[in-house]
């Protein structure tokens, strides 16, 4: 199963977007939630933030060296209350096993 198929199964209502500044500005909510950065073949990173748009812009402006190994990258977001965010992120990390694990941003 590709990363995209797994994401679609887990988050049927979440859109998938190319990981560019334009797409982040237009499609990432400035809201609390969990987000994924991935390629069609693998999960690269799962994060959580009180402002997913800001967190994704931070990844774009100072990408983790691990991200450089993969591409082209896409992202998707899922709204989650602050009280549920970390637990949801941790469950997704355990299930999807992203290849780049860096500390939570935001």
PDB file of N, CA and C in Angstrom:
ATOM      1  N   UNK A   1       0.841  -1.173   0.000  1.00  0.00           N
ATOM      2  CA  UNK A   1       0.000   0.000   0.000  1.00  0.00           C
ATOM      3  C   UNK A   1       0.886   1.236   0.000  1.00  0.00           C
ATOM      4  N   UNK A   2       0.570   2.208  -0.846  1.00  0.00           N
ATOM      5  CA  UNK A   2       1.365   3.431  -0.896  1.00  0.00           C
ATOM      6  C   UNK A   2       0.999   4.333   0.272  1.00  0.00           C
ATOM      7  N   UNK A   3       1.863   5.306   0.546  1.00  0.00           N
ATOM      8  CA  UNK A   3       1.582   6.279   1.600  1.00  0.00           C
ATOM      9  C   UNK A   3       0.270   6.992   1.312  1.00  0.00           C
ATOM     10  N   UNK A   4       0.056   7.327   0.070  1.00  0.00           N
ATOM     11  CA  UNK A   4      -1.160   8.027  -0.325  1.00  0.00           C
ATOM     12  C   UNK A   4      -2.398   7.170  -0.042  1.00  0.00           C
ATOM     13  N   UNK A   5      -2.370   5.907  -0.359  1.00  0.00           N
ATOM     14  CA  UNK A   5      -3.507   5.026  -0.110  1.00  0.00           C
ATOM     15  C   UNK A   5      -3.765   4.900   1.393  1.00  0.00           C
ATOM     16  N   UNK A   6      -2.706   4.794   2.175  1.00  0.00           N
ATOM     17  CA  UNK A   6      -2.868   4.690   3.627  1.00  0.00           C
ATOM     18  C   UNK A   6      -3.463   5.978   4.200  1.00  0.00           C
ATOM     19  N   UNK A   7      -2.992   7.120   3.706  1.00  0.00           N
ATOM     20  CA  UNK A   7      -3.535   8.397   4.183  1.00  0.00           C
ATOM     21  C   UNK A   7      -5.004   8.500   3.794  1.00  0.00           C
ATOM     22  N   UNK A   8      -5.329   8.149   2.564  1.00  0.00           N
ATOM     23  CA  UNK A   8      -6.720   8.201   2.123  1.00  0.00           C
ATOM     24  C   UNK A   8      -7.609   7.318   2.979  1.00  0.00           C
ATOM     25  N   UNK A   9      -7.105   6.168   3.382  1.00  0.00           N
ATOM     26  CA  UNK A   9      -7.892   5.273   4.234  1.00  0.00           C
ATOM     27  C   UNK A   9      -8.086   5.871   5.619  1.00  0.00           C
ATOM     28  N   UNK A  10      -7.049   6.503   6.142  1.00  0.00           N
ATOM     29  CA  UNK A  10      -7.121   7.050   7.492  1.00  0.00           C
ATOM     30  C   UNK A  10      -7.892   8.372   7.532  1.00  0.00           C
ATOM     31  N   UNK A  11      -7.771   9.162   6.474  1.00  0.00           N
ATOM     32  CA  UNK A  11      -8.338  10.514   6.460  1.00  0.00           C
ATOM     33  C   UNK A  11      -9.068  10.775   5.153  1.00  0.00           C
ATOM     34  N   UNK A  12     -10.218  10.164   4.999  1.00  0.00           N
ATOM     35  CA  UNK A  12     -10.945  10.229   3.741  1.00  0.00           C
ATOM     36  C   UNK A  12     -11.339  11.646   3.357  1.00  0.00           C
ATOM     37  N   UNK A  13     -11.517  12.536   4.331  1.00  0.00           N
ATOM     38  CA  UNK A  13     -11.968  13.885   4.036  1.00  0.00           C
ATOM     39  C   UNK A  13     -10.814  14.881   3.906  1.00  0.00           C
ATOM     40  N   UNK A  14      -9.573  14.463   4.123  1.00  0.00           N
ATOM     41  CA  UNK A  14      -8.424  15.360   4.042  1.00  0.00           C
ATOM     42  C   UNK A  14      -7.915  15.420   2.615  1.00  0.00           C
ATOM     43  N   UNK A  15      -7.598  16.627   2.163  1.00  0.00           N
ATOM     44  CA  UNK A  15      -7.007  16.779   0.842  1.00  0.00           C
ATOM     45  C   UNK A  15      -5.518  16.516   0.892  1.00  0.00           C
ATOM     46  N   UNK A  16      -4.955  16.268  -0.274  1.00  0.00           N
ATOM     47  CA  UNK A  16      -3.521  16.074  -0.418  1.00  0.00           C
ATOM     48  C   UNK A  16      -2.994  17.155  -1.348  1.00  0.00           C
ATOM     49  N   UNK A  17      -1.893  17.794  -0.956  1.00  0.00           N
ATOM     50  CA  UNK A  17      -1.383  18.952  -1.682  1.00  0.00           C
ATOM     51  C   UNK A  17       0.124  18.832  -1.863  1.00  0.00           C
ATOM     52  N   UNK A  18       0.627  19.425  -2.942  1.00  0.00           N
ATOM     53  CA  UNK A  18       2.068  19.494  -3.176  1.00  0.00           C
ATOM     54  C   UNK A  18       2.661  20.394  -2.095  1.00  0.00           C
ATOM     55  N   UNK A  19       3.793  20.002  -1.542  1.00  0.00           N
ATOM     56  CA  UNK A  19       4.409  20.730  -0.430  1.00  0.00           C
ATOM     57  C   UNK A  19       5.192  21.926  -0.965  1.00  0.00           C
ATOM     58  N   UNK A  20       4.456  23.005  -1.267  1.00  0.00           N
ATOM     59  CA  UNK A  20       5.029  24.257  -1.754  1.00  0.00           C
ATOM     60  C   UNK A  20       4.484  25.406  -0.925  1.00  0.00           C
ATOM     61  N   UNK A  21       5.170  26.553  -0.907  1.00  0.00           N
ATOM     62  CA  UNK A  21       4.639  27.698  -0.157  1.00  0.00           C
ATOM     63  C   UNK A  21       3.228  28.096  -0.612  1.00  0.00           C
ATOM     64  N   UNK A  22       2.981  28.061  -1.904  1.00  0.00           N
ATOM     65  CA  UNK A  22       1.669  28.444  -2.422  1.00  0.00           C
ATOM     66  C   UNK A  22       0.569  27.519  -1.902  1.00  0.00           C
ATOM     67  N   UNK A  23       0.817  26.216  -1.940  1.00  0.00           N
ATOM     68  CA  UNK A  23      -0.189  25.257  -1.476  1.00  0.00           C
ATOM     69  C   UNK A  23      -0.384  25.364   0.031  1.00  0.00           C
ATOM     70  N   UNK A  24       0.691  25.560   0.783  1.00  0.00           N
ATOM     71  CA  UNK A  24       0.554  25.716   2.238  1.00  0.00           C
ATOM     72  C   UNK A  24      -0.285  26.956   2.530  1.00  0.00           C
ATOM     73  N   UNK A  25      -0.002  28.060   1.856  1.00  0.00           N
ATOM     74  CA  UNK A  25      -0.752  29.304   2.081  1.00  0.00           C
ATOM     75  C   UNK A  25      -2.234  29.112   1.760  1.00  0.00           C
ATOM     76  N   UNK A  26      -2.532  28.409   0.679  1.00  0.00           N
ATOM     77  CA  UNK A  26      -3.913  28.264   0.225  1.00  0.00           C
ATOM     78  C   UNK A  26      -4.676  27.127   0.899  1.00  0.00           C
ATOM     79  N   UNK A  27      -3.987  26.057   1.272  1.00  0.00           N
ATOM     80  CA  UNK A  27      -4.689  24.831   1.660  1.00  0.00           C
ATOM     81  C   UNK A  27      -4.469  24.343   3.087  1.00  0.00           C
ATOM     82  N   UNK A  28      -3.444  24.825   3.764  1.00  0.00           N
ATOM     83  CA  UNK A  28      -3.202  24.387   5.142  1.00  0.00           C
ATOM     84  C   UNK A  28      -3.963  25.299   6.103  1.00  0.00           C
ATOM     85  N   UNK A  29      -4.768  24.736   6.974  1.00  0.00           N
ATOM     86  CA  UNK A  29      -5.506  25.584   7.906  1.00  0.00           C
ATOM     87  C   UNK A  29      -4.599  26.167   8.992  1.00  0.00           C
ATOM     88  N   UNK A  30      -4.885  27.420   9.345  1.00  0.00           N
ATOM     89  CA  UNK A  30      -4.201  28.050  10.472  1.00  0.00           C
ATOM     90  C   UNK A  30      -4.980  27.661  11.721  1.00  0.00           C
ATOM     91  N   UNK A  31      -4.943  26.372  12.027  1.00  0.00           N
ATOM     92  CA  UNK A  31      -5.750  25.813  13.108  1.00  0.00           C
ATOM     93  C   UNK A  31      -5.014  24.633  13.741  1.00  0.00           C
ATOM     94  N   UNK A  32      -5.507  24.206  14.867  1.00  0.00           N
ATOM     95  CA  UNK A  32      -4.933  23.088  15.600  1.00  0.00           C
ATOM     96  C   UNK A  32      -5.161  21.775  14.866  1.00  0.00           C
ATOM     97  N   UNK A  33      -4.101  20.947  14.825  1.00  0.00           N
ATOM     98  CA  UNK A  33      -4.281  19.646  14.208  1.00  0.00           C
ATOM     99  C   UNK A  33      -2.998  18.875  14.014  1.00  0.00           C
ATOM    100  N   UNK A  34      -3.128  17.834  13.216  1.00  0.00           N
ATOM    101  CA  UNK A  34      -2.035  16.920  12.889  1.00  0.00           C
ATOM    102  C   UNK A  34      -1.820  16.988  11.389  1.00  0.00           C
ATOM    103  N   UNK A  35      -0.556  16.949  10.978  1.00  0.00           N
ATOM    104  CA  UNK A  35      -0.253  17.014   9.550  1.00  0.00           C
ATOM    105  C   UNK A  35       0.791  15.966   9.199  1.00  0.00           C
ATOM    106  N   UNK A  36       0.794  15.605   7.918  1.00  0.00           N
ATOM    107  CA  UNK A  36       1.762  14.626   7.418  1.00  0.00           C
ATOM    108  C   UNK A  36       2.465  15.203   6.207  1.00  0.00           C
ATOM    109  N   UNK A  37       3.742  14.883   6.094  1.00  0.00           N
ATOM    110  CA  UNK A  37       4.537  15.198   4.908  1.00  0.00           C
ATOM    111  C   UNK A  37       4.984  13.850   4.366  1.00  0.00           C
ATOM    112  N   UNK A  38       4.774  13.623   3.074  1.00  0.00           N
ATOM    113  CA  UNK A  38       5.010  12.286   2.533  1.00  0.00           C
ATOM    114  C   UNK A  38       5.262  12.320   1.033  1.00  0.00           C
ATOM    115  N   UNK A  39       5.753  11.191   0.524  1.00  0.00           N
ATOM    116  CA  UNK A  39       5.879  10.954  -0.908  1.00  0.00           C
ATOM    117  C   UNK A  39       4.864   9.861  -1.249  1.00  0.00           C
ATOM    118  N   UNK A  40       4.683   9.543  -2.525  1.00  0.00           N
ATOM    119  CA  UNK A  40       3.772   8.446  -2.844  1.00  0.00           C
ATOM    120  C   UNK A  40       4.233   7.095  -2.273  1.00  0.00           C
ATOM    121  N   UNK A  41       5.519   6.966  -1.959  1.00  0.00           N
ATOM    122  CA  UNK A  41       6.059   5.689  -1.492  1.00  0.00           C
ATOM    123  C   UNK A  41       6.236   5.584   0.014  1.00  0.00           C
ATOM    124  N   UNK A  42       6.365   6.724   0.712  1.00  0.00           N
ATOM    125  CA  UNK A  42       6.672   6.617   2.149  1.00  0.00           C
ATOM    126  C   UNK A  42       6.232   7.854   2.913  1.00  0.00           C
ATOM    127  N   UNK A  43       6.011   7.603   4.199  1.00  0.00           N
ATOM    128  CA  UNK A  43       5.732   8.685   5.134  1.00  0.00           C
ATOM    129  C   UNK A  43       7.053   9.309   5.519  1.00  0.00           C
ATOM    130  N   UNK A  44       7.160  10.608   5.441  1.00  0.00           N
ATOM    131  CA  UNK A  44       8.400  11.298   5.785  1.00  0.00           C
ATOM    132  C   UNK A  44       8.323  11.874   7.195  1.00  0.00           C
ATOM    133  N   UNK A  45       7.222  12.536   7.527  1.00  0.00           N
ATOM    134  CA  UNK A  45       7.111  13.187   8.834  1.00  0.00           C
ATOM    135  C   UNK A  45       5.646  13.329   9.223  1.00  0.00           C
ATOM    136  N   UNK A  46       5.348  13.121  10.498  1.00  0.00           N
ATOM    137  CA  UNK A  46       4.028  13.376  11.067  1.00  0.00           C
ATOM    138  C   UNK A  46       4.230  14.393  12.190  1.00  0.00           C
ATOM    139  N   UNK A  47       3.503  15.493  12.145  1.00  0.00           N
ATOM    140  CA  UNK A  47       3.645  16.522  13.163  1.00  0.00           C
ATOM    141  C   UNK A  47       2.308  16.984  13.685  1.00  0.00           C
ATOM    142  N   UNK A  48       2.359  17.787  14.740  1.00  0.00           N
ATOM    143  CA  UNK A  48       1.160  18.366  15.326  1.00  0.00           C
ATOM    144  C   UNK A  48       1.480  19.799  15.719  1.00  0.00           C
ATOM    145  N   UNK A  49       0.485  20.663  15.606  1.00  0.00           N
ATOM    146  CA  UNK A  49       0.710  22.068  15.913  1.00  0.00           C
ATOM    147  C   UNK A  49      -0.604  22.760  16.234  1.00  0.00           C
ATOM    148  N   UNK A  50      -0.520  23.871  16.976  1.00  0.00           N
ATOM    149  CA  UNK A  50      -1.707  24.677  17.195  1.00  0.00           C
ATOM    150  C   UNK A  50      -2.013  25.536  15.970  1.00  0.00           C
ATOM    151  N   UNK A  51      -1.053  25.643  15.039  1.00  0.00           N
ATOM    152  CA  UNK A  51      -1.248  26.350  13.771  1.00  0.00           C
ATOM    153  C   UNK A  51      -0.507  25.558  12.687  1.00  0.00           C
ATOM    154  N   UNK A  52      -1.235  24.667  12.028  1.00  0.00           N
ATOM    155  CA  UNK A  52      -0.593  23.791  11.038  1.00  0.00           C
ATOM    156  C   UNK A  52       0.028  24.572   9.888  1.00  0.00           C
ATOM    157  N   UNK A  53      -0.596  25.650   9.445  1.00  0.00           N
ATOM    158  CA  UNK A  53      -0.024  26.450   8.357  1.00  0.00           C
ATOM    159  C   UNK A  53       1.343  26.985   8.755  1.00  0.00           C
ATOM    160  N   UNK A  54       1.427  27.565   9.944  1.00  0.00           N
ATOM    161  CA  UNK A  54       2.698  28.106  10.423  1.00  0.00           C
ATOM    162  C   UNK A  54       3.752  27.000  10.546  1.00  0.00           C
ATOM    163  N   UNK A  55       3.371  25.849  11.083  1.00  0.00           N
ATOM    164  CA  UNK A  55       4.323  24.744  11.232  1.00  0.00           C
ATOM    165  C   UNK A  55       4.840  24.278   9.882  1.00  0.00           C
ATOM    166  N   UNK A  56       3.961  24.179   8.898  1.00  0.00           N
ATOM    167  CA  UNK A  56       4.396  23.744   7.563  1.00  0.00           C
ATOM    168  C   UNK A  56       5.314  24.786   6.925  1.00  0.00           C
ATOM    169  N   UNK A  57       5.016  26.076   7.122  1.00  0.00           N
ATOM    170  CA  UNK A  57       5.932  27.114   6.621  1.00  0.00           C
ATOM    171  C   UNK A  57       7.295  27.015   7.296  1.00  0.00           C
ATOM    172  N   UNK A  58       7.327  26.670   8.580  1.00  0.00           N
ATOM    173  CA  UNK A  58       8.609  26.493   9.268  1.00  0.00           C
ATOM    174  C   UNK A  58       9.395  25.336   8.653  1.00  0.00           C
ATOM    175  N   UNK A  59       8.711  24.260   8.307  1.00  0.00           N
ATOM    176  CA  UNK A  59       9.394  23.134   7.650  1.00  0.00           C
ATOM    177  C   UNK A  59       9.943  23.558   6.289  1.00  0.00           C
ATOM    178  N   UNK A  60       9.205  24.371   5.568  1.00  0.00           N
ATOM    179  CA  UNK A  60       9.677  24.839   4.261  1.00  0.00           C
ATOM    180  C   UNK A  60      10.873  25.774   4.393  1.00  0.00           C
ATOM    181  N   UNK A  61      10.845  26.664   5.396  1.00  0.00           N
ATOM    182  CA  UNK A  61      11.910  27.663   5.514  1.00  0.00           C
ATOM    183  C   UNK A  61      13.197  27.100   6.100  1.00  0.00           C
ATOM    184  N   UNK A  62      13.095  26.081   6.930  1.00  0.00           N
ATOM    185  CA  UNK A  62      14.306  25.447   7.477  1.00  0.00           C
ATOM    186  C   UNK A  62      14.081  23.935   7.531  1.00  0.00           C
ATOM    187  N   UNK A  63      14.135  23.299   6.360  1.00  0.00           N
ATOM    188  CA  UNK A  63      13.827  21.865   6.309  1.00  0.00           C
ATOM    189  C   UNK A  63      14.856  21.019   7.055  1.00  0.00           C
ATOM    190  N   UNK A  64      14.361  19.977   7.655  1.00  0.00           N
ATOM    191  CA  UNK A  64      15.227  19.010   8.300  1.00  0.00           C
ATOM    192  C   UNK A  64      16.076  18.342   7.212  1.00  0.00           C
ATOM    193  N   UNK A  65      17.365  18.099   7.456  1.00  0.00           N
ATOM    194  CA  UNK A  65      18.191  17.436   6.439  1.00  0.00           C
ATOM    195  C   UNK A  65      17.600  16.102   5.976  1.00  0.00           C
ATOM    196  N   UNK A  66      16.886  15.428   6.826  1.00  0.00           N
ATOM    197  CA  UNK A  66      16.270  14.158   6.444  1.00  0.00           C
ATOM    198  C   UNK A  66      15.289  14.349   5.285  1.00  0.00           C
ATOM    199  N   UNK A  67      14.577  15.473   5.279  1.00  0.00           N
ATOM    200  CA  UNK A  67      13.595  15.737   4.218  1.00  0.00           C
ATOM    201  C   UNK A  67      14.250  15.779   2.840  1.00  0.00           C
ATOM    202  N   UNK A  68      15.513  16.235   2.793  1.00  0.00           N
ATOM    203  CA  UNK A  68      16.216  16.417   1.522  1.00  0.00           C
ATOM    204  C   UNK A  68      16.383  15.104   0.748  1.00  0.00           C
ATOM    205  N   UNK A  69      16.294  13.983   1.445  1.00  0.00           N
ATOM    206  CA  UNK A  69      16.478  12.681   0.808  1.00  0.00           C
ATOM    207  C   UNK A  69      15.257  12.214   0.032  1.00  0.00           C
ATOM    208  N   UNK A  70      14.118  12.888   0.237  1.00  0.00           N
ATOM    209  CA  UNK A  70      12.866  12.401  -0.322  1.00  0.00           C
ATOM    210  C   UNK A  70      12.185  13.471  -1.153  1.00  0.00           C
ATOM    211  N   UNK A  71      11.445  13.050  -2.136  1.00  0.00           N
ATOM    212  CA  UNK A  71      10.694  13.989  -2.944  1.00  0.00           C
ATOM    213  C   UNK A  71      10.102  13.278  -4.133  1.00  0.00           C
ATOM    214  N   UNK A  72       9.206  13.920  -4.801  1.00  0.00           N
ATOM    215  CA  UNK A  72       8.589  15.181  -4.401  1.00  0.00           C
ATOM    216  C   UNK A  72       7.684  14.971  -3.197  1.00  0.00           C
ATOM    217  N   UNK A  73       7.602  16.006  -2.372  1.00  0.00           N
ATOM    218  CA  UNK A  73       6.843  15.907  -1.135  1.00  0.00           C
ATOM    219  C   UNK A  73       5.427  16.454  -1.291  1.00  0.00           C
ATOM    220  N   UNK A  74       4.519  15.852  -0.548  1.00  0.00           N
ATOM    221  CA  UNK A  74       3.138  16.315  -0.447  1.00  0.00           C
ATOM    222  C   UNK A  74       2.819  16.475   1.029  1.00  0.00           C
ATOM    223  N   UNK A  75       1.692  17.142   1.317  1.00  0.00           N
ATOM    224  CA  UNK A  75       1.256  17.247   2.704  1.00  0.00           C
ATOM    225  C   UNK A  75      -0.250  17.101   2.783  1.00  0.00           C
ATOM    226  N   UNK A  76      -0.700  16.772   3.971  1.00  0.00           N
ATOM    227  CA  UNK A  76      -2.117  16.699   4.264  1.00  0.00           C
ATOM    228  C   UNK A  76      -2.304  17.074   5.724  1.00  0.00           C
ATOM    229  N   UNK A  77      -3.495  17.572   6.058  1.00  0.00           N
ATOM    230  CA  UNK A  77      -3.772  18.043   7.408  1.00  0.00           C
ATOM    231  C   UNK A  77      -5.078  17.455   7.927  1.00  0.00           C
ATOM    232  N   UNK A  78      -5.134  17.321   9.232  1.00  0.00           N
ATOM    233  CA  UNK A  78      -6.355  16.872   9.903  1.00  0.00           C
ATOM    234  C   UNK A  78      -6.571  17.756  11.116  1.00  0.00           C
ATOM    235  N   UNK A  79      -7.728  18.377  11.216  1.00  0.00           N
ATOM    236  CA  UNK A  79      -8.037  19.198  12.383  1.00  0.00           C
ATOM    237  C   UNK A  79      -8.137  18.320  13.624  1.00  0.00           C
ATOM    238  N   UNK A  80      -7.609  18.827  14.731  1.00  0.00           N
ATOM    239  CA  UNK A  80      -7.690  18.110  16.013  1.00  0.00           C
ATOM    240  C   UNK A  80      -7.618  19.133  17.141  1.00  0.00           C
ATOM    241  N   UNK A  81      -8.414  18.929  18.146  1.00  0.00           N
ATOM    242  CA  UNK A  81      -8.381  19.804  19.323  1.00  0.00           C
ATOM    243  C   UNK A  81      -7.025  19.693  20.012  1.00  0.00           C
ATOM    244  N   UNK A  82      -6.626  20.775  20.670  1.00  0.00           N
ATOM    245  CA  UNK A  82      -5.331  20.786  21.354  1.00  0.00           C
ATOM    246  C   UNK A  82      -5.205  19.621  22.329  1.00  0.00           C
ATOM    247  N   UNK A  83      -6.288  19.260  22.981  1.00  0.00           N
ATOM    248  CA  UNK A  83      -6.252  18.178  23.968  1.00  0.00           C
ATOM    249  C   UNK A  83      -6.068  16.797  23.337  1.00  0.00           C
ATOM    250  N   UNK A  84      -6.319  16.679  22.028  1.00  0.00           N
ATOM    251  CA  UNK A  84      -6.223  15.387  21.338  1.00  0.00           C
ATOM    252  C   UNK A  84      -5.033  15.293  20.385  1.00  0.00           C
ATOM    253  N   UNK A  85      -4.397  16.419  20.121  1.00  0.00           N
ATOM    254  CA  UNK A  85      -3.374  16.520  19.075  1.00  0.00           C
ATOM    255  C   UNK A  85      -2.190  15.585  19.281  1.00  0.00           C
ATOM    256  N   UNK A  86      -1.560  15.635  20.430  1.00  0.00           N
ATOM    257  CA  UNK A  86      -0.350  14.836  20.673  1.00  0.00           C
ATOM    258  C   UNK A  86      -0.663  13.347  20.619  1.00  0.00           C
ATOM    259  N   UNK A  87      -1.777  12.944  21.202  1.00  0.00           N
ATOM    260  CA  UNK A  87      -2.143  11.531  21.182  1.00  0.00           C
ATOM    261  C   UNK A  87      -2.388  11.050  19.750  1.00  0.00           C
ATOM    262  N   UNK A  88      -3.060  11.868  18.951  1.00  0.00           N
ATOM    263  CA  UNK A  88      -3.327  11.504  17.553  1.00  0.00           C
ATOM    264  C   UNK A  88      -2.021  11.418  16.763  1.00  0.00           C
ATOM    265  N   UNK A  89      -1.132  12.404  16.954  1.00  0.00           N
ATOM    266  CA  UNK A  89       0.168  12.385  16.276  1.00  0.00           C
ATOM    267  C   UNK A  89       0.946  11.130  16.640  1.00  0.00           C
ATOM    268  N   UNK A  90       1.003  10.821  17.921  1.00  0.00           N
ATOM    269  CA  UNK A  90       1.762   9.652  18.371  1.00  0.00           C
ATOM    270  C   UNK A  90       1.180   8.357  17.810  1.00  0.00           C
ATOM    271  N   UNK A  91      -0.144   8.271  17.727  1.00  0.00           N
ATOM    272  CA  UNK A  91      -0.778   7.075  17.163  1.00  0.00           C
ATOM    273  C   UNK A  91      -0.426   6.940  15.682  1.00  0.00           C
ATOM    274  N   UNK A  92      -0.430   8.049  14.957  1.00  0.00           N
ATOM    275  CA  UNK A  92      -0.082   8.002  13.534  1.00  0.00           C
ATOM    276  C   UNK A  92       1.388   7.647  13.333  1.00  0.00           C
ATOM    277  N   UNK A  93       2.259   8.176  14.177  1.00  0.00           N
ATOM    278  CA  UNK A  93       3.683   7.830  14.081  1.00  0.00           C
ATOM    279  C   UNK A  93       3.859   6.331  14.297  1.00  0.00           C
ATOM    280  N   UNK A  94       3.178   5.782  15.286  1.00  0.00           N
ATOM    281  CA  UNK A  94       3.272   4.351  15.546  1.00  0.00           C
ATOM    282  C   UNK A  94       2.721   3.512  14.405  1.00  0.00           C
ATOM    283  N   UNK A  95       1.643   3.972  13.796  1.00  0.00           N
ATOM    284  CA  UNK A  95       1.007   3.224  12.715  1.00  0.00           C
ATOM    285  C   UNK A  95       1.750   3.361  11.384  1.00  0.00           C
ATOM    286  N   UNK A  96       2.185   4.585  11.066  1.00  0.00           N
ATOM    287  CA  UNK A  96       2.718   4.863   9.733  1.00  0.00           C
ATOM    288  C   UNK A  96       4.241   4.870   9.670  1.00  0.00           C
ATOM    289  N   UNK A  97       4.905   4.975  10.815  1.00  0.00           N
ATOM    290  CA  UNK A  97       6.364   4.909  10.922  1.00  0.00           C
ATOM    291  C   UNK A  97       7.105   5.829   9.937  1.00  0.00           C
ATOM    292  N   UNK A  98       6.953   7.146  10.094  1.00  0.00           N
ATOM    293  CA  UNK A  98       7.645   8.077   9.187  1.00  0.00           C
ATOM    294  C   UNK A  98       9.161   7.942   9.302  1.00  0.00           C
ATOM    295  N   UNK A  99       9.852   8.192   8.196  1.00  0.00           N
ATOM    296  CA  UNK A  99      11.302   8.006   8.155  1.00  0.00           C
ATOM    297  C   UNK A  99      12.072   9.145   8.822  1.00  0.00           C
ATOM    298  N   UNK A 100      11.485  10.310   8.945  1.00  0.00           N
ATOM    299  CA  UNK A 100      12.141  11.447   9.595  1.00  0.00           C
ATOM    300  C   UNK A 100      11.366  11.785  10.859  1.00  0.00           C
ATOM    301  N   UNK A 101      12.026  11.687  11.981  1.00  0.00           N
ATOM    302  CA  UNK A 101      11.362  12.050  13.231  1.00  0.00           C
ATOM    303  C   UNK A 101      12.134  13.188  13.858  1.00  0.00           C
ATOM    304  N   UNK A 102      11.504  14.374  13.905  1.00  0.00           N
ATOM    305  CA  UNK A 102      12.100  15.519  14.571  1.00  0.00           C
ATOM    306  C   UNK A 102      11.096  16.047  15.577  1.00  0.00           C
ATOM    307  N   UNK A 103      11.534  16.907  16.458  1.00  0.00           N
ATOM    308  CA  UNK A 103      10.647  17.363  17.526  1.00  0.00           C
ATOM    309  C   UNK A 103       9.456  18.132  16.978  1.00  0.00           C
ATOM    310  N   UNK A 104       8.397  18.132  17.742  1.00  0.00           N
ATOM    311  CA  UNK A 104       7.168  18.832  17.352  1.00  0.00           C
ATOM    312  C   UNK A 104       7.445  20.310  17.194  1.00  0.00           C
ATOM    313  N   UNK A 105       6.858  20.894  16.164  1.00  0.00           N
ATOM    314  CA  UNK A 105       6.979  22.332  15.951  1.00  0.00           C
ATOM    315  C   UNK A 105       5.633  22.965  16.199  1.00  0.00           C
ATOM    316  N   UNK A 106       5.641  24.160  16.788  1.00  0.00           N
ATOM    317  CA  UNK A 106       4.394  24.889  17.001  1.00  0.00           C
ATOM    318  C   UNK A 106       3.869  24.570  18.327  1.00  0.00           C
TER     319      UNK A 106
END
